[in-house]
Amino acid sequence: MSETPTPVDPPQLYRSPAFAQGMIVPPGPLLFVGGQNGVDAEGGLLDGLAAQTEQALRNLLAVLEEAGSGPEQVAKLTIHLAPGIDPTDAYGATRAVWGDQRTAVTVLTVAPARPGALVEIDAVAAVPR
């Protein structure tokens, strides 16, 4: 069995080039990455949706790497956007950092816990043995 999650895309559902309808995760350890904001190493919040999204993804990638995982092992991303935000800039920024790695994705609009935060991203990933 593969050590990477496998996309599940039923033929009767739309097949997106950006996300999978579902993911099968191989047996083994799972990593749950808490919500990552667009903050730098000093805790400073970057300006604008694109910059915050790119930084949140870089932060997510750092957690994955520290755990011995990577973007190819991510089974699920949840992207929380502040109310009233047009997600277009977030999608472009996501592709710039995340590339063409397909995974299951949920995008929600929620009031941010941190003032000024426009995006928060959490993940579930397999950790290869």
Protein backbone atom coordinates (compact mmCIF):
# COMPACT_ATOMS: atom_id res chain seq x y z
CA MET A 1 0.00 0.00 0.00
CA SER A 2 1.19 3.51 -0.80
CA GLU A 3 2.42 5.78 1.99
CA THR A 4 0.62 8.74 0.46
CA PRO A 5 -3.12 9.45 0.61
CA THR A 6 -4.99 8.42 -2.52
CA PRO A 7 -7.60 10.71 -4.13
CA VAL A 8 -11.16 9.42 -4.47
CA ASP A 9 -13.03 11.05 -7.36
CA PRO A 10 -16.31 9.29 -8.22
CA PRO A 11 -16.98 9.54 -11.97
CA GLN A 12 -20.44 11.07 -11.39
CA LEU A 13 -18.90 14.03 -9.50
CA TYR A 14 -16.98 17.00 -10.87
CA ARG A 15 -13.23 16.31 -11.00
CA SER A 16 -11.41 19.44 -9.98
CA PRO A 17 -7.78 19.94 -10.94
CA ALA A 18 -7.26 21.67 -7.58
CA PHE A 19 -8.91 19.33 -5.05
CA ALA A 20 -10.07 15.75 -4.57
CA GLN A 21 -13.59 14.77 -3.51
CA GLY A 22 -12.11 12.45 -0.86
CA MET A 23 -8.84 10.92 0.25
CA ILE A 24 -7.94 7.44 1.51
CA VAL A 25 -5.21 7.67 4.14
CA PRO A 26 -2.81 4.74 4.54
CA PRO A 27 -2.56 3.09 7.96
CA GLY A 28 -0.06 4.70 10.29
CA PRO A 29 0.45 7.88 12.22
CA LEU A 30 -1.66 10.95 11.41
CA LEU A 31 -0.60 14.54 11.92
CA PHE A 32 -3.23 17.15 12.77
CA VAL A 33 -1.85 20.61 12.01
CA GLY A 34 -3.53 23.39 13.95
CA GLY A 35 -4.69 26.54 12.20
CA GLN A 36 -1.84 28.49 10.63
CA ASN A 37 -2.16 32.23 10.08
CA GLY A 38 -0.09 34.48 7.86
CA VAL A 39 2.40 35.34 10.60
CA ASP A 40 6.17 35.45 10.31
CA ALA A 41 8.69 33.90 12.72
CA GLU A 42 8.39 36.91 15.04
CA GLY A 43 4.58 36.65 15.16
CA GLY A 44 3.99 39.63 12.88
CA LEU A 45 0.89 39.42 10.71
CA LEU A 46 1.61 40.07 7.03
CA ASP A 47 -0.50 42.53 5.01
CA GLY A 48 -3.10 41.36 2.50
CA LEU A 49 -4.81 38.11 1.68
CA ALA A 50 -2.22 36.80 -0.82
CA ALA A 51 0.73 37.43 1.54
CA GLN A 52 -1.11 35.94 4.52
CA THR A 53 -2.16 32.87 2.53
CA GLU A 54 1.36 32.22 1.24
CA GLN A 55 2.81 32.62 4.75
CA ALA A 56 0.14 30.40 6.34
CA LEU A 57 1.01 27.69 3.80
CA ARG A 58 4.75 28.11 4.42
CA ASN A 59 4.03 27.73 8.14
CA LEU A 60 1.97 24.61 7.42
CA LEU A 61 4.80 23.17 5.29
CA ALA A 62 7.25 23.81 8.17
CA VAL A 63 5.06 21.80 10.58
CA LEU A 64 4.75 18.99 8.03
CA GLU A 65 8.52 18.89 7.52
CA GLU A 66 9.21 18.90 11.27
CA ALA A 67 6.90 15.88 11.64
CA GLY A 68 8.59 14.00 8.78
CA SER A 69 5.70 14.53 6.41
CA GLY A 70 5.10 16.72 3.37
CA PRO A 71 2.40 18.18 1.13
CA GLU A 72 2.05 14.90 -0.77
CA GLN A 73 0.90 13.26 2.50
CA VAL A 74 -1.83 15.83 3.22
CA ALA A 75 -5.29 14.28 3.12
CA LYS A 76 -7.35 17.36 4.07
CA LEU A 77 -6.96 21.11 4.17
CA THR A 78 -9.48 23.40 5.81
CA ILE A 79 -9.19 27.04 4.77
CA HIS A 80 -10.96 29.61 6.92
CA LEU A 81 -11.48 33.03 5.31
CA ALA A 82 -12.63 36.18 7.08
CA PRO A 83 -16.17 37.30 6.16
CA GLY A 84 -16.46 39.39 3.00
CA ILE A 85 -13.14 38.18 1.57
CA ASP A 86 -13.01 37.43 -2.15
CA PRO A 87 -11.10 34.12 -2.26
CA THR A 88 -9.54 34.78 -5.68
CA ASP A 89 -6.25 36.08 -4.22
CA ALA A 90 -6.14 33.17 -1.77
CA TYR A 91 -6.52 30.62 -4.58
CA GLY A 92 -3.69 32.18 -6.57
CA ALA A 93 -1.44 32.36 -3.50
CA THR A 94 -2.25 28.77 -2.61
CA ARG A 95 -1.15 27.56 -6.02
CA ALA A 96 2.08 29.61 -5.81
CA VAL A 97 3.15 27.81 -2.60
CA TRP A 98 1.21 24.53 -2.70
CA GLY A 99 1.53 23.86 -6.44
CA ASP A 100 -0.66 21.25 -8.09
CA GLN A 101 -0.85 18.93 -5.06
CA ARG A 102 -4.49 17.75 -4.98
CA THR A 103 -6.13 17.04 -1.62
CA ALA A 104 -9.58 17.22 -0.08
CA VAL A 105 -10.35 20.86 0.75
CA THR A 106 -13.04 22.68 2.68
CA VAL A 107 -13.26 26.49 2.49
CA LEU A 108 -15.29 28.30 5.15
CA THR A 109 -16.05 31.90 6.02
CA VAL A 110 -15.56 32.56 9.74
CA ALA A 111 -14.73 35.52 11.94
CA PRO A 112 -11.00 35.32 12.72
CA ALA A 113 -9.83 34.88 16.31
CA ARG A 114 -6.84 37.15 15.65
CA PRO A 115 -7.64 40.74 14.67
CA GLY A 116 -6.47 41.46 11.12
CA ALA A 117 -6.15 37.80 10.15
CA LEU A 118 -7.78 37.15 6.77
CA VAL A 119 -7.02 33.43 6.45
CA GLU A 120 -6.26 30.42 8.63
CA ILE A 121 -5.36 26.98 7.29
CA ASP A 122 -5.31 23.64 9.09
CA ALA A 123 -4.51 20.16 7.80
CA VAL A 124 -4.62 16.41 8.38
CA ALA A 125 -1.66 14.48 6.99
CA ALA A 126 -0.22 10.97 7.00
CA VAL A 127 3.25 10.57 8.47
CA PRO A 128 5.30 8.00 6.56
CA ARG A 129 6.88 5.30 8.69
